[in-house]
PDB file of N, CA and C in Angstrom:
ATOM      1  N   UNK A   1      -5.243   5.905 -13.729  1.00  0.00           N
ATOM      2  CA  UNK A   1      -5.428   6.405 -12.985  1.00  0.00           C
ATOM      3  C   UNK A   1      -6.224   4.911 -11.878  1.00  0.00           C
ATOM      4  N   UNK A   2      -5.171   5.333 -10.703  1.00  0.00           N
ATOM      5  CA  UNK A   2      -5.087   4.155  -9.853  1.00  0.00           C
ATOM      6  C   UNK A   2      -6.088   3.768  -9.380  1.00  0.00           C
ATOM      7  N   UNK A   3      -7.444   4.374  -9.088  1.00  0.00           N
ATOM      8  CA  UNK A   3      -8.565   3.203  -9.005  1.00  0.00           C
ATOM      9  C   UNK A   3      -8.886   2.182 -10.120  1.00  0.00           C
ATOM     10  N   UNK A   4      -9.577   2.970 -11.793  1.00  0.00           N
ATOM     11  CA  UNK A   4      -9.738   1.829 -12.772  1.00  0.00           C
ATOM     12  C   UNK A   4      -8.742   0.976 -13.130  1.00  0.00           C
ATOM     13  N   UNK A   5      -7.160   1.355 -12.888  1.00  0.00           N
ATOM     14  CA  UNK A   5      -5.975   0.601 -13.510  1.00  0.00           C
ATOM     15  C   UNK A   5      -5.867  -0.177 -12.395  1.00  0.00           C
ATOM     16  N   UNK A   6      -5.073   0.101 -11.483  1.00  0.00           N
ATOM     17  CA  UNK A   6      -4.385  -1.019 -10.826  1.00  0.00           C
ATOM     18  C   UNK A   6      -5.545  -1.292  -8.780  1.00  0.00           C
ATOM     19  N   UNK A   7      -6.093  -0.573  -9.202  1.00  0.00           N
ATOM     20  CA  UNK A   7      -7.313  -1.267  -7.335  1.00  0.00           C
ATOM     21  C   UNK A   7      -8.064  -1.781  -9.069  1.00  0.00           C
ATOM     22  N   UNK A   8      -8.431  -1.893  -9.670  1.00  0.00           N
ATOM     23  CA  UNK A   8      -9.610  -3.135 -10.233  1.00  0.00           C
ATOM     24  C   UNK A   8      -9.023  -4.010 -11.312  1.00  0.00           C
ATOM     25  N   UNK A   9      -7.728  -3.765 -11.852  1.00  0.00           N
ATOM     26  CA  UNK A   9      -7.178  -4.862 -11.984  1.00  0.00           C
ATOM     27  C   UNK A   9      -6.781  -5.953 -10.938  1.00  0.00           C
ATOM     28  N   UNK A  10      -6.029  -5.623 -10.383  1.00  0.00           N
ATOM     29  CA  UNK A  10      -6.062  -6.382  -8.679  1.00  0.00           C
ATOM     30  C   UNK A  10      -7.001  -6.627  -8.493  1.00  0.00           C
ATOM     31  N   UNK A  11      -7.759  -6.860  -8.220  1.00  0.00           N
ATOM     32  CA  UNK A  11      -8.887  -7.477  -7.717  1.00  0.00           C
ATOM     33  C   UNK A  11     -10.105  -8.866  -8.727  1.00  0.00           C
ATOM     34  N   UNK A  12      -9.758  -7.629  -9.815  1.00  0.00           N
ATOM     35  CA  UNK A  12     -10.546  -8.604 -11.058  1.00  0.00           C
ATOM     36  C   UNK A  12      -9.250  -9.851 -11.080  1.00  0.00           C
ATOM     37  N   UNK A  13      -8.704 -10.215 -11.649  1.00  0.00           N
ATOM     38  CA  UNK A  13      -7.161 -11.120 -11.605  1.00  0.00           C
ATOM     39  C   UNK A  13      -7.499 -11.402 -10.867  1.00  0.00           C
ATOM     40  N   UNK A  14      -7.324 -11.438  -8.998  1.00  0.00           N
ATOM     41  CA  UNK A  14      -7.098 -12.058  -8.305  1.00  0.00           C
ATOM     42  C   UNK A  14      -8.177 -12.865  -7.747  1.00  0.00           C
ATOM     43  N   UNK A  15      -9.221 -11.811  -7.795  1.00  0.00           N
ATOM     44  CA  UNK A  15     -10.419 -13.061  -8.034  1.00  0.00           C
ATOM     45  C   UNK A  15     -11.397 -14.285  -8.903  1.00  0.00           C
ATOM     46  N   UNK A  16     -10.754 -13.780  -9.997  1.00  0.00           N
ATOM     47  CA  UNK A  16     -10.276 -14.968 -11.433  1.00  0.00           C
ATOM     48  C   UNK A  16      -9.421 -15.683 -10.997  1.00  0.00           C
ATOM     49  N   UNK A  17      -8.614 -15.949 -10.286  1.00  0.00           N
ATOM     50  CA  UNK A  17      -7.306 -16.599 -10.800  1.00  0.00           C
ATOM     51  C   UNK A  17      -7.633 -16.851  -8.941  1.00  0.00           C
ATOM     52  N   UNK A  18      -7.774 -17.015  -8.155  1.00  0.00           N
ATOM     53  CA  UNK A  18      -7.400 -16.899  -6.294  1.00  0.00           C
ATOM     54  C   UNK A  18      -8.975 -17.034  -5.715  1.00  0.00           C
ATOM     55  N   UNK A  19      -9.842 -16.827  -6.618  1.00  0.00           N
ATOM     56  CA  UNK A  19     -11.088 -16.700  -5.839  1.00  0.00           C
ATOM     57  C   UNK A  19     -10.857 -16.030  -4.491  1.00  0.00           C
ATOM     58  N   UNK A  20     -11.190 -14.647  -5.001  1.00  0.00           N
ATOM     59  CA  UNK A  20     -10.318 -13.684  -3.416  1.00  0.00           C
ATOM     60  C   UNK A  20     -10.386 -12.797  -3.974  1.00  0.00           C
ATOM     61  N   UNK A  21     -10.434 -11.851  -3.166  1.00  0.00           N
ATOM     62  CA  UNK A  21      -9.438 -10.214  -2.985  1.00  0.00           C
ATOM     63  C   UNK A  21      -8.211 -10.543  -2.656  1.00  0.00           C
ATOM     64  N   UNK A  22      -7.391  -9.228  -3.335  1.00  0.00           N
ATOM     65  CA  UNK A  22      -5.863  -9.448  -2.909  1.00  0.00           C
ATOM     66  C   UNK A  22      -5.457  -8.523  -1.710  1.00  0.00           C
ATOM     67  N   UNK A  23      -6.471  -7.744  -1.308  1.00  0.00           N
ATOM     68  CA  UNK A  23      -6.024  -7.087  -0.213  1.00  0.00           C
ATOM     69  C   UNK A  23      -7.467  -7.086   0.666  1.00  0.00           C
ATOM     70  N   UNK A  24      -7.785  -7.039   1.875  1.00  0.00           N
ATOM     71  CA  UNK A  24      -8.403  -7.047   3.141  1.00  0.00           C
ATOM     72  C   UNK A  24      -9.720  -5.814   2.927  1.00  0.00           C
ATOM     73  N   UNK A  25      -8.460  -4.928   3.012  1.00  0.00           N
ATOM     74  CA  UNK A  25      -9.727  -3.283   2.759  1.00  0.00           C
ATOM     75  C   UNK A  25      -8.111  -2.497   1.757  1.00  0.00           C
ATOM     76  N   UNK A  26      -9.342  -2.019   1.690  1.00  0.00           N
ATOM     77  CA  UNK A  26      -8.978  -0.778   0.456  1.00  0.00           C
ATOM     78  C   UNK A  26      -9.170   1.214   0.840  1.00  0.00           C
ATOM     79  N   UNK A  27      -8.913   2.149   1.459  1.00  0.00           N
ATOM     80  CA  UNK A  27      -8.694   3.404   0.761  1.00  0.00           C
ATOM     81  C   UNK A  27      -8.642   4.423  -0.420  1.00  0.00           C
ATOM     82  N   UNK A  28      -9.621   4.341  -1.586  1.00  0.00           N
ATOM     83  CA  UNK A  28      -9.556   5.127  -2.116  1.00  0.00           C
ATOM     84  C   UNK A  28     -10.814   6.769  -1.662  1.00  0.00           C
ATOM     85  N   UNK A  29     -10.068   7.720  -2.600  1.00  0.00           N
ATOM     86  CA  UNK A  29     -10.321   8.975  -2.156  1.00  0.00           C
ATOM     87  C   UNK A  29     -11.083   9.865  -3.684  1.00  0.00           C
ATOM     88  N   UNK A  30     -11.739  10.922  -3.494  1.00  0.00           N
ATOM     89  CA  UNK A  30     -11.938  11.770  -4.695  1.00  0.00           C
ATOM     90  C   UNK A  30     -10.911  12.378  -5.422  1.00  0.00           C
ATOM     91  N   UNK A  31     -11.048  13.347  -6.179  1.00  0.00           N
ATOM     92  CA  UNK A  31     -10.407  14.499  -6.812  1.00  0.00           C
ATOM     93  C   UNK A  31     -10.113  15.716  -6.409  1.00  0.00           C
ATOM     94  N   UNK A  32      -9.116  16.316  -6.139  1.00  0.00           N
ATOM     95  CA  UNK A  32      -8.652  17.612  -4.941  1.00  0.00           C
ATOM     96  C   UNK A  32      -8.784  18.792  -6.571  1.00  0.00           C
ATOM     97  N   UNK A  33      -9.549  19.369  -5.745  1.00  0.00           N
ATOM     98  CA  UNK A  33     -10.258  19.992  -6.993  1.00  0.00           C
ATOM     99  C   UNK A  33      -9.083  21.905  -5.989  1.00  0.00           C
ATOM    100  N   UNK A  34      -9.071  22.394  -7.102  1.00  0.00           N
ATOM    101  CA  UNK A  34      -8.654  23.933  -7.025  1.00  0.00           C
ATOM    102  C   UNK A  34      -9.351  24.393  -6.365  1.00  0.00           C
ATOM    103  N   UNK A  35      -8.589  26.276  -6.472  1.00  0.00           N
ATOM    104  CA  UNK A  35     -10.777  27.242  -6.062  1.00  0.00           C
ATOM    105  C   UNK A  35     -11.501  28.246  -6.494  1.00  0.00           C
ATOM    106  N   UNK A  36     -11.424  27.342  -8.124  1.00  0.00           N
ATOM    107  CA  UNK A  36     -12.434  27.720  -8.789  1.00  0.00           C
ATOM    108  C   UNK A  36     -13.445  26.231  -9.379  1.00  0.00           C
ATOM    109  N   UNK A  37     -12.657  24.586  -8.278  1.00  0.00           N
ATOM    110  CA  UNK A  37     -13.441  23.654  -8.396  1.00  0.00           C
ATOM    111  C   UNK A  37     -13.125  22.308 -10.013  1.00  0.00           C
ATOM    112  N   UNK A  38     -12.800  23.226 -10.235  1.00  0.00           N
ATOM    113  CA  UNK A  38     -11.942  22.260 -11.072  1.00  0.00           C
ATOM    114  C   UNK A  38     -10.828  21.373 -10.463  1.00  0.00           C
ATOM    115  N   UNK A  39     -10.792  20.003 -11.449  1.00  0.00           N
ATOM    116  CA  UNK A  39      -9.847  19.292 -10.947  1.00  0.00           C
ATOM    117  C   UNK A  39      -7.982  19.074 -10.893  1.00  0.00           C
ATOM    118  N   UNK A  40      -7.700  19.156  -9.683  1.00  0.00           N
ATOM    119  CA  UNK A  40      -6.262  19.812 -10.265  1.00  0.00           C
ATOM    120  C   UNK A  40      -5.517  18.200 -10.768  1.00  0.00           C
ATOM    121  N   UNK A  41      -4.779  19.205 -12.097  1.00  0.00           N
ATOM    122  CA  UNK A  41      -3.757  17.952 -12.793  1.00  0.00           C
ATOM    123  C   UNK A  41      -2.996  18.213 -13.186  1.00  0.00           C
ATOM    124  N   UNK A  42      -1.613  17.802 -13.290  1.00  0.00           N
ATOM    125  CA  UNK A  42      -0.508  18.328 -13.878  1.00  0.00           C
ATOM    126  C   UNK A  42      -0.643  18.073 -15.374  1.00  0.00           C
ATOM    127  N   UNK A  43      -1.657  17.846 -16.349  1.00  0.00           N
ATOM    128  CA  UNK A  43      -1.245  18.856 -17.625  1.00  0.00           C
ATOM    129  C   UNK A  43      -2.350  19.858 -17.775  1.00  0.00           C
ATOM    130  N   UNK A  44      -3.069  20.142 -16.673  1.00  0.00           N
ATOM    131  CA  UNK A  44      -4.040  21.375 -16.585  1.00  0.00           C
ATOM    132  C   UNK A  44      -2.766  22.333 -15.770  1.00  0.00           C
ATOM    133  N   UNK A  45      -1.647  22.109 -15.302  1.00  0.00           N
ATOM    134  CA  UNK A  45      -0.837  22.975 -14.744  1.00  0.00           C
ATOM    135  C   UNK A  45      -1.867  23.158 -13.408  1.00  0.00           C
ATOM    136  N   UNK A  46      -2.197  22.948 -12.354  1.00  0.00           N
ATOM    137  CA  UNK A  46      -3.104  24.143 -11.694  1.00  0.00           C
ATOM    138  C   UNK A  46      -2.860  22.807 -10.351  1.00  0.00           C
ATOM    139  N   UNK A  47      -1.839  22.465  -9.885  1.00  0.00           N
ATOM    140  CA  UNK A  47      -1.019  21.103  -9.256  1.00  0.00           C
ATOM    141  C   UNK A  47       0.486  22.263  -7.851  1.00  0.00           C
ATOM    142  N   UNK A  48      -0.090  22.251  -6.968  1.00  0.00           N
ATOM    143  CA  UNK A  48       0.727  22.751  -5.959  1.00  0.00           C
ATOM    144  C   UNK A  48       1.864  21.648  -5.777  1.00  0.00           C
ATOM    145  N   UNK A  49       2.868  21.872  -5.894  1.00  0.00           N
ATOM    146  CA  UNK A  49       3.813  20.417  -5.161  1.00  0.00           C
ATOM    147  C   UNK A  49       4.030  20.898  -3.940  1.00  0.00           C
ATOM    148  N   UNK A  50       3.504  19.344  -2.872  1.00  0.00           N
ATOM    149  CA  UNK A  50       4.233  19.871  -1.477  1.00  0.00           C
ATOM    150  C   UNK A  50       4.881  20.415  -1.070  1.00  0.00           C
ATOM    151  N   UNK A  51       6.379  19.564  -1.794  1.00  0.00           N
ATOM    152  CA  UNK A  51       7.951  20.616  -1.329  1.00  0.00           C
ATOM    153  C   UNK A  51       8.003  21.501  -0.792  1.00  0.00           C
ATOM    154  N   UNK A  52       6.968  22.785  -2.351  1.00  0.00           N
ATOM    155  CA  UNK A  52       7.250  23.769  -2.260  1.00  0.00           C
ATOM    156  C   UNK A  52       6.310  24.865  -1.726  1.00  0.00           C
ATOM    157  N   UNK A  53       5.357  23.830  -1.015  1.00  0.00           N
ATOM    158  CA  UNK A  53       4.438  24.125   0.065  1.00  0.00           C
ATOM    159  C   UNK A  53       5.016  23.783   1.504  1.00  0.00           C
ATOM    160  N   UNK A  54       5.910  23.129   1.074  1.00  0.00           N
ATOM    161  CA  UNK A  54       6.193  22.592   3.170  1.00  0.00           C
ATOM    162  C   UNK A  54       7.776  23.143   2.850  1.00  0.00           C
ATOM    163  N   UNK A  55       8.435  23.539   1.354  1.00  0.00           N
ATOM    164  CA  UNK A  55       9.525  25.064   1.926  1.00  0.00           C
ATOM    165  C   UNK A  55       9.016  26.523   2.339  1.00  0.00           C
ATOM    166  N   UNK A  56       7.444  27.289   2.490  1.00  0.00           N
ATOM    167  CA  UNK A  56       6.784  28.092   1.854  1.00  0.00           C
ATOM    168  C   UNK A  56       6.079  28.370   3.377  1.00  0.00           C
ATOM    169  N   UNK A  57       5.416  27.529   4.066  1.00  0.00           N
ATOM    170  CA  UNK A  57       4.248  27.535   5.366  1.00  0.00           C
ATOM    171  C   UNK A  57       5.326  26.407   6.208  1.00  0.00           C
ATOM    172  N   UNK A  58       6.265  25.125   5.981  1.00  0.00           N
ATOM    173  CA  UNK A  58       6.674  24.235   6.322  1.00  0.00           C
ATOM    174  C   UNK A  58       5.839  22.728   6.672  1.00  0.00           C
ATOM    175  N   UNK A  59       5.308  21.852   6.369  1.00  0.00           N
ATOM    176  CA  UNK A  59       5.708  20.779   6.438  1.00  0.00           C
ATOM    177  C   UNK A  59       4.291  20.148   7.871  1.00  0.00           C
ATOM    178  N   UNK A  60       3.625  21.040   8.608  1.00  0.00           N
ATOM    179  CA  UNK A  60       2.583  20.522   9.443  1.00  0.00           C
ATOM    180  C   UNK A  60       1.136  21.339   8.343  1.00  0.00           C
ATOM    181  N   UNK A  61       1.654  22.642   8.436  1.00  0.00           N
ATOM    182  CA  UNK A  61       0.487  22.707   6.689  1.00  0.00           C
ATOM    183  C   UNK A  61      -0.415  20.848   6.458  1.00  0.00           C
ATOM    184  N   UNK A  62       1.110  20.025   5.619  1.00  0.00           N
ATOM    185  CA  UNK A  62       0.466  19.480   4.663  1.00  0.00           C
ATOM    186  C   UNK A  62      -0.162  18.302   5.589  1.00  0.00           C
ATOM    187  N   UNK A  63       0.250  18.271   7.385  1.00  0.00           N
ATOM    188  CA  UNK A  63      -0.577  16.857   7.680  1.00  0.00           C
ATOM    189  C   UNK A  63      -1.464  17.795   8.286  1.00  0.00           C
ATOM    190  N   UNK A  64      -1.789  19.121   8.617  1.00  0.00           N
ATOM    191  CA  UNK A  64      -3.147  19.577   8.872  1.00  0.00           C
ATOM    192  C   UNK A  64      -4.336  18.891   7.747  1.00  0.00           C
ATOM    193  N   UNK A  65      -3.842  18.898   6.329  1.00  0.00           N
ATOM    194  CA  UNK A  65      -5.042  19.276   5.212  1.00  0.00           C
ATOM    195  C   UNK A  65      -4.648  18.085   5.043  1.00  0.00           C
ATOM    196  N   UNK A  66      -3.763  16.309   5.415  1.00  0.00           N
ATOM    197  CA  UNK A  66      -4.637  14.871   5.028  1.00  0.00           C
ATOM    198  C   UNK A  66      -4.610  14.677   6.836  1.00  0.00           C
ATOM    199  N   UNK A  67      -5.130  14.965   7.410  1.00  0.00           N
ATOM    200  CA  UNK A  67      -6.100  15.079   8.601  1.00  0.00           C
ATOM    201  C   UNK A  67      -6.814  15.400   8.544  1.00  0.00           C
ATOM    202  N   UNK A  68      -7.299  16.059   7.741  1.00  0.00           N
ATOM    203  CA  UNK A  68      -8.814  17.138   7.872  1.00  0.00           C
ATOM    204  C   UNK A  68      -9.585  16.892   6.582  1.00  0.00           C
ATOM    205  N   UNK A  69      -8.941  15.588   6.304  1.00  0.00           N
ATOM    206  CA  UNK A  69     -10.211  15.263   4.621  1.00  0.00           C
ATOM    207  C   UNK A  69     -10.541  14.474   5.336  1.00  0.00           C
ATOM    208  N   UNK A  70     -12.552  14.294   4.743  1.00  0.00           N
ATOM    209  CA  UNK A  70     -13.153  13.331   5.039  1.00  0.00           C
ATOM    210  C   UNK A  70     -12.987  12.238   4.242  1.00  0.00           C
ATOM    211  N   UNK A  71     -12.935  10.831   4.664  1.00  0.00           N
ATOM    212  CA  UNK A  71     -12.426   9.402   3.647  1.00  0.00           C
ATOM    213  C   UNK A  71     -13.450   9.270   3.855  1.00  0.00           C
ATOM    214  N   UNK A  72     -14.577   9.606   4.555  1.00  0.00           N
ATOM    215  CA  UNK A  72     -16.138   8.625   4.210  1.00  0.00           C
ATOM    216  C   UNK A  72     -16.645   8.622   3.252  1.00  0.00           C
TER     217      UNK A  72
END
């Protein structure tokens, strides 16, 4: 998990060593869920590979999905 792992460990280490954060800003997002509202996970097997979507529907649909995501 990048949020608890890399983001927090980088922040805590840099603050302890240098007294400041290692980055000026950081954008994180929540989980992507499937049609039943379950977190999408490789271990569960309910993920959709972007390459498969791109091959079937074109890359523009992935761009639209990314652009439509609310990061606020």
